[in-house]
Amino acid sequence: TAALLLPNTQAPFFAALAYQVNLALLKRSYRMLLCCTDFDSGLEQKY
């Protein structure tokens, strides 16, 4: 399992990035834990 830290998934770029990272991880038999931080540095550190 790998964590993916992104500001959000509302922006099309971040959503597309999450999709592509997930596909790449799945090809390697990994799971993805999506962590949306909403640009909050404290939340990033918690994740």
All heavy atoms as atom14 arrays in JSON, in Angstrom:
{
  "sequence": "TAALLLPNTQAPFFAALAYQVNLALLKRSYRMLLCCTDFDSGLEQKY",
  "atom14_mask": [
    [1, 1, 1, 1, 1, 1, 1, 0, 0, 0, 0, 0, 0, 0],
    [1, 1, 1, 1, 1, 0, 0, 0, 0, 0, 0, 0, 0, 0],
    [1, 1, 1, 1, 1, 0, 0, 0, 0, 0, 0, 0, 0, 0],
    [1, 1, 1, 1, 1, 1, 1, 1, 0, 0, 0, 0, 0, 0],
    [1, 1, 1, 1, 1, 1, 1, 1, 0, 0, 0, 0, 0, 0],
    [1, 1, 1, 1, 1, 1, 1, 1, 0, 0, 0, 0, 0, 0],
    [1, 1, 1, 1, 1, 1, 1, 0, 0, 0, 0, 0, 0, 0],
    [1, 1, 1, 1, 1, 1, 1, 1, 0, 0, 0, 0, 0, 0],
    [1, 1, 1, 1, 1, 1, 1, 0, 0, 0, 0, 0, 0, 0],
    [1, 1, 1, 1, 1, 1, 1, 1, 1, 0, 0, 0, 0, 0],
    [1, 1, 1, 1, 1, 0, 0, 0, 0, 0, 0, 0, 0, 0],
    [1, 1, 1, 1, 1, 1, 1, 0, 0, 0, 0, 0, 0, 0],
    [1, 1, 1, 1, 1, 1, 1, 1, 1, 1, 1, 0, 0, 0],
    [1, 1, 1, 1, 1, 1, 1, 1, 1, 1, 1, 0, 0, 0],
    [1, 1, 1, 1, 1, 0, 0, 0, 0, 0, 0, 0, 0, 0],
    [1, 1, 1, 1, 1, 0, 0, 0, 0, 0, 0, 0, 0, 0],
    [1, 1, 1, 1, 1, 1, 1, 1, 0, 0, 0, 0, 0, 0],
    [1, 1, 1, 1, 1, 0, 0, 0, 0, 0, 0, 0, 0, 0],
    [1, 1, 1, 1, 1, 1, 1, 1, 1, 1, 1, 1, 0, 0],
    [1, 1, 1, 1, 1, 1, 1, 1, 1, 0, 0, 0, 0, 0],
    [1, 1, 1, 1, 1, 1, 1, 0, 0, 0, 0, 0, 0, 0],
    [1, 1, 1, 1, 1, 1, 1, 1, 0, 0, 0, 0, 0, 0],
    [1, 1, 1, 1, 1, 1, 1, 1, 0, 0, 0, 0, 0, 0],
    [1, 1, 1, 1, 1, 0, 0, 0, 0, 0, 0, 0, 0, 0],
    [1, 1, 1, 1, 1, 1, 1, 1, 0, 0, 0, 0, 0, 0],
    [1, 1, 1, 1, 1, 1, 1, 1, 0, 0, 0, 0, 0, 0],
    [1, 1, 1, 1, 1, 1, 1, 1, 1, 0, 0, 0, 0, 0],
    [1, 1, 1, 1, 1, 1, 1, 1, 1, 1, 1, 0, 0, 0],
    [1, 1, 1, 1, 1, 1, 0, 0, 0, 0, 0, 0, 0, 0],
    [1, 1, 1, 1, 1, 1, 1, 1, 1, 1, 1, 1, 0, 0],
    [1, 1, 1, 1, 1, 1, 1, 1, 1, 1, 1, 0, 0, 0],
    [1, 1, 1, 1, 1, 1, 1, 1, 0, 0, 0, 0, 0, 0],
    [1, 1, 1, 1, 1, 1, 1, 1, 0, 0, 0, 0, 0, 0],
    [1, 1, 1, 1, 1, 1, 1, 1, 0, 0, 0, 0, 0, 0],
    [1, 1, 1, 1, 1, 1, 0, 0, 0, 0, 0, 0, 0, 0],
    [1, 1, 1, 1, 1, 1, 0, 0, 0, 0, 0, 0, 0, 0],
    [1, 1, 1, 1, 1, 1, 1, 0, 0, 0, 0, 0, 0, 0],
    [1, 1, 1, 1, 1, 1, 1, 1, 0, 0, 0, 0, 0, 0],
    [1, 1, 1, 1, 1, 1, 1, 1, 1, 1, 1, 0, 0, 0],
    [1, 1, 1, 1, 1, 1, 1, 1, 0, 0, 0, 0, 0, 0],
    [1, 1, 1, 1, 1, 1, 0, 0, 0, 0, 0, 0, 0, 0],
    [1, 1, 1, 1, 0, 0, 0, 0, 0, 0, 0, 0, 0, 0],
    [1, 1, 1, 1, 1, 1, 1, 1, 0, 0, 0, 0, 0, 0],
    [1, 1, 1, 1, 1, 1, 1, 1, 1, 0, 0, 0, 0, 0],
    [1, 1, 1, 1, 1, 1, 1, 1, 1, 0, 0, 0, 0, 0],
    [1, 1, 1, 1, 1, 1, 1, 1, 1, 0, 0, 0, 0, 0],
    [1, 1, 1, 1, 1, 1, 1, 1, 1, 1, 1, 1, 0, 0]
  ],
  "atom14_positions": [
    [[0.84, -1.18, 0.0], [0.0, 0.0, 0.0], [0.88, 1.24, 0.0], [1.87, 1.3, 0.74], [-0.91, 0.04, 1.25], [-1.65, -1.18, 1.32], [-1.87, 1.22, 1.22], [0.0, 0.0, 0.0], [0.0, 0.0, 0.0], [0.0, 0.0, 0.0], [0.0, 0.0, 0.0], [0.0, 0.0, 0.0], [0.0, 0.0, 0.0], [0.0, 0.0, 0.0]],
    [[0.52, 2.21, -0.82], [1.22, 3.5, -0.86], [0.18, 4.6, -0.67], [-0.94, 4.5, -1.16], [1.94, 3.69, -2.18], [0.0, 0.0, 0.0], [0.0, 0.0, 0.0], [0.0, 0.0, 0.0], [0.0, 0.0, 0.0], [0.0, 0.0, 0.0], [0.0, 0.0, 0.0], [0.0, 0.0, 0.0], [0.0, 0.0, 0.0], [0.0, 0.0, 0.0]],
    [[0.57, 5.63, 0.06], [-0.3, 6.78, 0.26], [-0.05, 7.79, -0.86], [1.1, 8.01, -1.26], [-0.03, 7.43, 1.61], [0.0, 0.0, 0.0], [0.0, 0.0, 0.0], [0.0, 0.0, 0.0], [0.0, 0.0, 0.0], [0.0, 0.0, 0.0], [0.0, 0.0, 0.0], [0.0, 0.0, 0.0], [0.0, 0.0, 0.0], [0.0, 0.0, 0.0]],
    [[-1.11, 8.38, -1.35], [-1.0, 9.46, -2.33], [-1.56, 10.72, -1.68], [-2.74, 10.78, -1.34], [-1.77, 9.14, -3.61], [-1.83, 10.26, -4.65], [-0.41, 10.6, -5.17], [-2.73, 9.87, -5.81], [0.0, 0.0, 0.0], [0.0, 0.0, 0.0], [0.0, 0.0, 0.0], [0.0, 0.0, 0.0], [0.0, 0.0, 0.0], [0.0, 0.0, 0.0]],
    [[-0.69, 11.71, -1.47], [-1.11, 12.99, -0.88], [-1.39, 13.97, -2.0], [-0.51, 14.28, -2.81], [0.0, 13.57, 0.0], [0.53, 12.73, 1.15], [1.61, 13.5, 1.9], [-0.58, 12.33, 2.09], [0.0, 0.0, 0.0], [0.0, 0.0, 0.0], [0.0, 0.0, 0.0], [0.0, 0.0, 0.0], [0.0, 0.0, 0.0], [0.0, 0.0, 0.0]],
    [[-2.63, 14.44, -2.06], [-3.03, 15.43, -3.06], [-3.82, 16.53, -2.37], [-4.51, 16.27, -1.37], [-3.93, 14.8, -4.12], [-3.32, 13.8, -5.08], [-4.39, 13.25, -6.01], [-2.2, 14.44, -5.88], [0.0, 0.0, 0.0], [0.0, 0.0, 0.0], [0.0, 0.0, 0.0], [0.0, 0.0, 0.0], [0.0, 0.0, 0.0], [0.0, 0.0, 0.0]],
    [[-3.77, 17.76, -2.91], [-4.56, 18.83, -2.31], [-6.06, 18.54, -2.34], [-6.77, 18.81, -1.38], [-4.22, 20.05, -3.16], [-2.87, 19.75, -3.71], [-2.85, 18.26, -3.94], [0.0, 0.0, 0.0], [0.0, 0.0, 0.0], [0.0, 0.0, 0.0], [0.0, 0.0, 0.0], [0.0, 0.0, 0.0], [0.0, 0.0, 0.0], [0.0, 0.0, 0.0]],
    [[-6.56, 17.99, -3.44], [-7.97, 17.62, -3.55], [-8.17, 16.81, -4.82], [-7.22, 16.59, -5.57], [-8.88, 18.87, -3.56], [-8.61, 19.78, -4.74], [-8.58, 19.35, -5.89], [-8.39, 21.07, -4.46], [0.0, 0.0, 0.0], [0.0, 0.0, 0.0], [0.0, 0.0, 0.0], [0.0, 0.0, 0.0], [0.0, 0.0, 0.0], [0.0, 0.0, 0.0]],
    [[-9.38, 16.39, -5.05], [-9.69, 15.69, -6.3], [-10.74, 16.45, -7.1], [-11.28, 15.92, -8.07], [-10.17, 14.24, -6.04], [-11.26, 14.27, -5.13], [-9.05, 13.38, -5.52], [0.0, 0.0, 0.0], [0.0, 0.0, 0.0], [0.0, 0.0, 0.0], [0.0, 0.0, 0.0], [0.0, 0.0, 0.0], [0.0, 0.0, 0.0], [0.0, 0.0, 0.0]],
    [[-11.01, 17.68, -6.69], [-11.95, 18.52, -7.44], [-11.31, 19.07, -8.71], [-11.97, 19.16, -9.73], [-12.45, 19.67, -6.57], [-13.37, 19.21, -5.46], [-13.8, 20.37, -4.58], [-13.01, 21.24, -4.25], [-15.07, 20.38, -4.23], [0.0, 0.0, 0.0], [0.0, 0.0, 0.0], [0.0, 0.0, 0.0], [0.0, 0.0, 0.0], [0.0, 0.0, 0.0]],
    [[-10.04, 19.44, -8.6], [-9.35, 19.96, -9.78], [-9.1, 18.81, -10.74], [-8.61, 17.74, -10.34], [-8.02, 20.61, -9.36], [0.0, 0.0, 0.0], [0.0, 0.0, 0.0], [0.0, 0.0, 0.0], [0.0, 0.0, 0.0], [0.0, 0.0, 0.0], [0.0, 0.0, 0.0], [0.0, 0.0, 0.0], [0.0, 0.0, 0.0], [0.0, 0.0, 0.0]],
    [[-9.42, 18.97, -12.01], [-9.26, 17.88, -12.98], [-7.84, 17.31, -13.02], [-7.67, 16.11, -13.16], [-9.64, 18.52, -14.32], [-10.55, 19.64, -13.95], [-10.06, 20.15, -12.62], [0.0, 0.0, 0.0], [0.0, 0.0, 0.0], [0.0, 0.0, 0.0], [0.0, 0.0, 0.0], [0.0, 0.0, 0.0], [0.0, 0.0, 0.0], [0.0, 0.0, 0.0]],
    [[-6.82, 18.17, -12.88], [-5.44, 17.67, -12.9], [-5.19, 16.7, -11.76], [-4.63, 15.62, -11.97], [-4.43, 18.83, -12.83], [-3.02, 18.33, -12.7], [-2.35, 17.8, -13.79], [-2.37, 18.37, -11.47], [-1.04, 17.31, -13.67], [-1.07, 17.9, -11.34], [-0.41, 17.37, -12.44], [0.0, 0.0, 0.0], [0.0, 0.0, 0.0], [0.0, 0.0, 0.0]],
    [[-5.61, 17.06, -10.55], [-5.38, 16.2, -9.38], [-6.17, 14.89, -9.51], [-5.67, 13.81, -9.16], [-5.74, 16.91, -8.08], [-4.93, 18.13, -7.79], [-5.51, 19.23, -7.19], [-3.58, 18.2, -8.11], [-4.77, 20.37, -6.91], [-2.83, 19.33, -7.83], [-3.42, 20.43, -7.23], [0.0, 0.0, 0.0], [0.0, 0.0, 0.0], [0.0, 0.0, 0.0]],
    [[-7.39, 14.98, -10.02], [-8.21, 13.77, -10.21], [-7.57, 12.84, -11.23], [-7.48, 11.62, -11.01], [-9.62, 14.16, -10.64], [0.0, 0.0, 0.0], [0.0, 0.0, 0.0], [0.0, 0.0, 0.0], [0.0, 0.0, 0.0], [0.0, 0.0, 0.0], [0.0, 0.0, 0.0], [0.0, 0.0, 0.0], [0.0, 0.0, 0.0], [0.0, 0.0, 0.0]],
    [[-7.1, 13.41, -12.33], [-6.44, 12.59, -13.36], [-5.14, 11.99, -12.83], [-4.82, 10.83, -13.12], [-6.17, 13.43, -14.6], [0.0, 0.0, 0.0], [0.0, 0.0, 0.0], [0.0, 0.0, 0.0], [0.0, 0.0, 0.0], [0.0, 0.0, 0.0], [0.0, 0.0, 0.0], [0.0, 0.0, 0.0], [0.0, 0.0, 0.0], [0.0, 0.0, 0.0]],
    [[-4.41, 12.75, -12.05], [-3.17, 12.25, -11.46], [-3.46, 11.08, -10.53], [-2.78, 10.04, -10.58], [-2.44, 13.37, -10.72], [-1.12, 12.98, -10.06], [-0.1, 12.52, -11.1], [-0.58, 14.17, -9.27], [0.0, 0.0, 0.0], [0.0, 0.0, 0.0], [0.0, 0.0, 0.0], [0.0, 0.0, 0.0], [0.0, 0.0, 0.0], [0.0, 0.0, 0.0]],
    [[-4.47, 11.22, -9.69], [-4.85, 10.14, -8.77], [-5.2, 8.87, -9.55], [-4.79, 7.77, -9.2], [-6.02, 10.56, -7.89], [0.0, 0.0, 0.0], [0.0, 0.0, 0.0], [0.0, 0.0, 0.0], [0.0, 0.0, 0.0], [0.0, 0.0, 0.0], [0.0, 0.0, 0.0], [0.0, 0.0, 0.0], [0.0, 0.0, 0.0], [0.0, 0.0, 0.0]],
    [[-5.95, 9.03, -10.62], [-6.35, 7.9, -11.46], [-5.13, 7.19, -12.04], [-5.02, 5.97, -11.97], [-7.28, 8.4, -12.57], [-7.7, 7.31, -13.52], [-8.66, 6.38, -13.16], [-7.13, 7.22, -14.79], [-9.03, 5.36, -14.05], [-7.5, 6.23, -15.68], [-8.45, 5.3, -15.3], [-8.82, 4.3, -16.16], [0.0, 0.0, 0.0], [0.0, 0.0, 0.0]],
    [[-4.2, 7.96, -12.6], [-3.02, 7.37, -13.23], [-2.08, 6.73, -12.21], [-1.52, 5.66, -12.47], [-2.27, 8.43, -14.06], [-3.04, 8.92, -15.27], [-3.39, 7.8, -16.25], [-2.62, 6.87, -16.46], [-4.56, 7.91, -16.85], [0.0, 0.0, 0.0], [0.0, 0.0, 0.0], [0.0, 0.0, 0.0], [0.0, 0.0, 0.0], [0.0, 0.0, 0.0]],
    [[-1.9, 7.36, -11.06], [-1.06, 6.77, -10.02], [-1.68, 5.45, -9.55], [-0.99, 4.45, -9.37], [-0.84, 7.75, -8.84], [-0.23, 7.04, -7.63], [0.02, 8.93, -9.27], [0.0, 0.0, 0.0], [0.0, 0.0, 0.0], [0.0, 0.0, 0.0], [0.0, 0.0, 0.0], [0.0, 0.0, 0.0], [0.0, 0.0, 0.0], [0.0, 0.0, 0.0]],
    [[-3.0, 5.45, -9.36], [-3.69, 4.23, -8.94], [-3.49, 3.11, -9.96], [-3.2, 1.97, -9.59], [-5.17, 4.5, -8.72], [-5.88, 3.32, -8.1], [-5.42, 2.78, -7.09], [-6.98, 2.92, -8.69], [0.0, 0.0, 0.0], [0.0, 0.0, 0.0], [0.0, 0.0, 0.0], [0.0, 0.0, 0.0], [0.0, 0.0, 0.0], [0.0, 0.0, 0.0]],
    [[-3.62, 3.42, -11.26], [-3.4, 2.41, -12.3], [-1.98, 1.85, -12.23], [-1.77, 0.64, -12.34], [-3.65, 3.0, -13.69], [-5.09, 3.23, -14.1], [-5.15, 3.83, -15.51], [-5.89, 1.95, -14.04], [0.0, 0.0, 0.0], [0.0, 0.0, 0.0], [0.0, 0.0, 0.0], [0.0, 0.0, 0.0], [0.0, 0.0, 0.0], [0.0, 0.0, 0.0]],
    [[-0.99, 2.74, -12.07], [0.4, 2.3, -12.01], [0.63, 1.4, -10.79], [1.34, 0.39, -10.88], [1.33, 3.51, -11.97], [0.0, 0.0, 0.0], [0.0, 0.0, 0.0], [0.0, 0.0, 0.0], [0.0, 0.0, 0.0], [0.0, 0.0, 0.0], [0.0, 0.0, 0.0], [0.0, 0.0, 0.0], [0.0, 0.0, 0.0], [0.0, 0.0, 0.0]],
    [[0.03, 1.75, -9.67], [0.19, 0.93, -8.46], [-0.5, -0.42, -8.63], [0.05, -1.46, -8.24], [-0.35, 1.67, -7.24], [0.49, 2.86, -6.77], [-0.26, 3.67, -5.71], [1.83, 2.4, -6.23], [0.0, 0.0, 0.0], [0.0, 0.0, 0.0], [0.0, 0.0, 0.0], [0.0, 0.0, 0.0], [0.0, 0.0, 0.0], [0.0, 0.0, 0.0]],
    [[-1.7, -0.42, -9.2], [-2.43, -1.68, -9.4], [-1.65, -2.65, -10.28], [-1.67, -3.86, -10.03], [-3.81, -1.41, -10.01], [-4.86, -0.81, -9.08], [-6.11, -0.41, -9.87], [-5.21, -1.78, -7.96], [0.0, 0.0, 0.0], [0.0, 0.0, 0.0], [0.0, 0.0, 0.0], [0.0, 0.0, 0.0], [0.0, 0.0, 0.0], [0.0, 0.0, 0.0]],
    [[-0.96, -2.13, -11.3], [-0.16, -2.99, -12.17], [0.95, -3.69, -11.4], [1.45, -4.72, -11.83], [0.45, -2.18, -13.32], [-0.55, -1.78, -14.36], [0.1, -0.96, -15.46], [-0.93, -0.49, -16.46], [-0.35, 0.39, -17.48], [0.0, 0.0, 0.0], [0.0, 0.0, 0.0], [0.0, 0.0, 0.0], [0.0, 0.0, 0.0], [0.0, 0.0, 0.0]],
    [[1.33, -3.11, -10.27], [2.39, -3.69, -9.43], [1.82, -4.37, -8.19], [2.53, -4.62, -7.23], [3.38, -2.59, -9.05], [4.17, -2.09, -10.24], [4.75, -0.71, -10.0], [5.5, -0.23, -11.17], [4.95, 0.32, -12.25], [3.64, 0.47, -12.33], [5.69, 0.73, -13.26], [0.0, 0.0, 0.0], [0.0, 0.0, 0.0], [0.0, 0.0, 0.0]],
    [[0.51, -4.62, -8.21], [-0.22, -5.27, -7.11], [-0.17, -4.47, -5.82], [-0.12, -5.04, -4.72], [0.31, -6.69, -6.88], [0.13, -7.47, -8.03], [0.0, 0.0, 0.0], [0.0, 0.0, 0.0], [0.0, 0.0, 0.0], [0.0, 0.0, 0.0], [0.0, 0.0, 0.0], [0.0, 0.0, 0.0], [0.0, 0.0, 0.0], [0.0, 0.0, 0.0]],
    [[-0.17, -3.15, -5.94], [-0.23, -2.27, -4.78], [-1.6, -1.63, -4.68], [-2.28, -1.43, -5.68], [0.83, -1.16, -4.9], [2.17, -1.54, -4.33], [3.02, -2.39, -5.03], [2.57, -1.06, -3.1], [4.24, -2.75, -4.51], [3.81, -1.42, -2.57], [4.63, -2.26, -3.28], [5.84, -2.63, -2.76], [0.0, 0.0, 0.0], [0.0, 0.0, 0.0]],
    [[-1.97, -1.29, -3.46], [-3.17, -0.53, -3.19], [-2.77, 0.93, -2.97], [-1.65, 1.22, -2.57], [-3.86, -1.03, -1.93], [-4.31, -2.48, -2.02], [-4.82, -2.97, -0.69], [-3.68, -3.15, 0.22], [-3.5, -4.2, 1.0], [-4.38, -5.16, 1.02], [-2.46, -4.3, 1.78], [0.0, 0.0, 0.0], [0.0, 0.0, 0.0], [0.0, 0.0, 0.0]],
    [[-3.72, 1.82, -3.18], [-3.46, 3.24, -2.98], [-4.38, 3.78, -1.9], [-5.6, 3.54, -1.93], [-3.69, 4.02, -4.27], [-3.42, 5.51, -4.14], [-3.71, 6.4, -5.68], [-5.49, 6.6, -5.62], [0.0, 0.0, 0.0], [0.0, 0.0, 0.0], [0.0, 0.0, 0.0], [0.0, 0.0, 0.0], [0.0, 0.0, 0.0], [0.0, 0.0, 0.0]],
    [[-3.8, 4.49, -0.95], [-4.56, 5.19, 0.06], [-4.56, 6.67, -0.34], [-3.51, 7.32, -0.32], [-3.92, 5.01, 1.44], [-4.55, 5.78, 2.59], [-5.97, 5.3, 2.83], [-3.71, 5.59, 3.85], [0.0, 0.0, 0.0], [0.0, 0.0, 0.0], [0.0, 0.0, 0.0], [0.0, 0.0, 0.0], [0.0, 0.0, 0.0], [0.0, 0.0, 0.0]],
    [[-5.71, 7.17, -0.77], [-5.8, 8.55, -1.23], [-6.03, 9.47, -0.04], [-6.96, 9.28, 0.74], [-6.96, 8.69, -2.23], [-7.22, 10.1, -2.75], [-6.0, 10.66, -3.48], [-8.43, 10.09, -3.68], [0.0, 0.0, 0.0], [0.0, 0.0, 0.0], [0.0, 0.0, 0.0], [0.0, 0.0, 0.0], [0.0, 0.0, 0.0], [0.0, 0.0, 0.0]],
    [[-5.16, 10.46, 0.09], [-5.21, 11.41, 1.2], [-5.34, 12.82, 0.64], [-4.38, 13.35, 0.08], [-3.95, 11.31, 2.05], [-3.61, 9.65, 2.68], [0.0, 0.0, 0.0], [0.0, 0.0, 0.0], [0.0, 0.0, 0.0], [0.0, 0.0, 0.0], [0.0, 0.0, 0.0], [0.0, 0.0, 0.0], [0.0, 0.0, 0.0], [0.0, 0.0, 0.0]],
    [[-6.51, 13.4, 0.74], [-6.73, 14.77, 0.26], [-6.46, 15.74, 1.4], [-7.08, 15.66, 2.45], [-8.16, 14.93, -0.26], [-8.46, 13.94, -1.75], [0.0, 0.0, 0.0], [0.0, 0.0, 0.0], [0.0, 0.0, 0.0], [0.0, 0.0, 0.0], [0.0, 0.0, 0.0], [0.0, 0.0, 0.0], [0.0, 0.0, 0.0], [0.0, 0.0, 0.0]],
    [[-5.55, 16.68, 1.15], [-5.06, 17.56, 2.21], [-5.69, 18.95, 2.23], [-5.51, 19.69, 3.17], [-3.54, 17.74, 2.07], [-3.28, 18.43, 0.84], [-2.82, 16.41, 2.09], [0.0, 0.0, 0.0], [0.0, 0.0, 0.0], [0.0, 0.0, 0.0], [0.0, 0.0, 0.0], [0.0, 0.0, 0.0], [0.0, 0.0, 0.0], [0.0, 0.0, 0.0]],
    [[-6.39, 19.32, 1.16], [-7.01, 20.63, 1.04], [-6.01, 21.76, 1.3], [-6.32, 22.76, 1.93], [-8.22, 20.74, 1.97], [-9.2, 21.81, 1.52], [-9.25, 22.09, 0.31], [-9.9, 22.37, 2.38], [0.0, 0.0, 0.0], [0.0, 0.0, 0.0], [0.0, 0.0, 0.0], [0.0, 0.0, 0.0], [0.0, 0.0, 0.0], [0.0, 0.0, 0.0]],
    [[-4.78, 21.56, 0.85], [-3.7, 22.54, 0.97], [-3.35, 22.85, 2.43], [-2.78, 23.89, 2.72], [-4.03, 23.84, 0.22], [-4.19, 23.66, -1.25], [-5.44, 23.46, -1.8], [-3.09, 23.69, -2.1], [-5.6, 23.29, -3.18], [-3.23, 23.53, -3.47], [-4.49, 23.32, -4.01], [0.0, 0.0, 0.0], [0.0, 0.0, 0.0], [0.0, 0.0, 0.0]],
    [[-3.69, 21.96, 3.34], [-3.46, 22.16, 4.78], [-2.17, 21.45, 5.17], [-2.12, 20.21, 5.2], [-4.66, 21.62, 5.56], [-4.54, 21.76, 7.07], [-3.41, 21.87, 7.59], [-5.59, 21.74, 7.72], [0.0, 0.0, 0.0], [0.0, 0.0, 0.0], [0.0, 0.0, 0.0], [0.0, 0.0, 0.0], [0.0, 0.0, 0.0], [0.0, 0.0, 0.0]],
    [[-1.12, 22.21, 5.5], [0.18, 21.6, 5.82], [0.1, 20.74, 7.08], [0.8, 19.73, 7.18], [1.26, 22.67, 5.96], [0.92, 23.59, 6.97], [0.0, 0.0, 0.0], [0.0, 0.0, 0.0], [0.0, 0.0, 0.0], [0.0, 0.0, 0.0], [0.0, 0.0, 0.0], [0.0, 0.0, 0.0], [0.0, 0.0, 0.0], [0.0, 0.0, 0.0]],
    [[-0.73, 21.12, 8.03], [-0.89, 20.3, 9.24], [-1.51, 18.96, 8.92], [-1.11, 17.92, 9.47], [0.0, 0.0, 0.0], [0.0, 0.0, 0.0], [0.0, 0.0, 0.0], [0.0, 0.0, 0.0], [0.0, 0.0, 0.0], [0.0, 0.0, 0.0], [0.0, 0.0, 0.0], [0.0, 0.0, 0.0], [0.0, 0.0, 0.0], [0.0, 0.0, 0.0]],
    [[-2.48, 18.95, 8.03], [-3.13, 17.71, 7.61], [-2.16, 16.84, 6.82], [-2.13, 15.61, 6.98], [-4.39, 18.01, 6.8], [-5.31, 16.85, 6.49], [-5.71, 16.09, 7.74], [-6.55, 17.36, 5.75], [0.0, 0.0, 0.0], [0.0, 0.0, 0.0], [0.0, 0.0, 0.0], [0.0, 0.0, 0.0], [0.0, 0.0, 0.0], [0.0, 0.0, 0.0]],
    [[-1.33, 17.47, 5.99], [-0.3, 16.72, 5.26], [0.59, 15.97, 6.24], [0.89, 14.79, 6.06], [0.55, 17.66, 4.4], [-0.14, 18.18, 3.18], [0.72, 19.17, 2.39], [1.81, 19.54, 2.86], [0.29, 19.55, 1.3], [0.0, 0.0, 0.0], [0.0, 0.0, 0.0], [0.0, 0.0, 0.0], [0.0, 0.0, 0.0], [0.0, 0.0, 0.0]],
    [[1.02, 16.66, 7.29], [1.89, 16.04, 8.28], [1.19, 14.89, 9.0], [1.78, 13.85, 9.27], [2.38, 17.08, 9.29], [3.55, 16.61, 10.14], [4.78, 16.31, 9.31], [5.32, 17.16, 8.62], [5.24, 15.07, 9.36], [0.0, 0.0, 0.0], [0.0, 0.0, 0.0], [0.0, 0.0, 0.0], [0.0, 0.0, 0.0], [0.0, 0.0, 0.0]],
    [[-0.11, 15.07, 9.29], [-0.87, 13.99, 9.93], [-0.95, 12.76, 9.04], [-0.86, 11.62, 9.51], [-2.27, 14.47, 10.31], [-2.29, 15.39, 11.5], [-3.7, 15.83, 11.83], [-3.68, 16.79, 13.0], [-5.03, 17.27, 13.33], [0.0, 0.0, 0.0], [0.0, 0.0, 0.0], [0.0, 0.0, 0.0], [0.0, 0.0, 0.0], [0.0, 0.0, 0.0]],
    [[-1.13, 12.98, 7.72], [-1.19, 11.85, 6.8], [0.17, 11.13, 6.71], [0.23, 9.91, 6.6], [-1.64, 12.28, 5.41], [-3.13, 12.46, 5.28], [-3.66, 13.59, 4.66], [-4.03, 11.49, 5.73], [-5.03, 13.76, 4.52], [-5.39, 11.65, 5.59], [-5.89, 12.78, 4.99], [-7.25, 12.93, 4.85], [0.0, 0.0, 0.0], [0.0, 0.0, 0.0]]
  ]
}
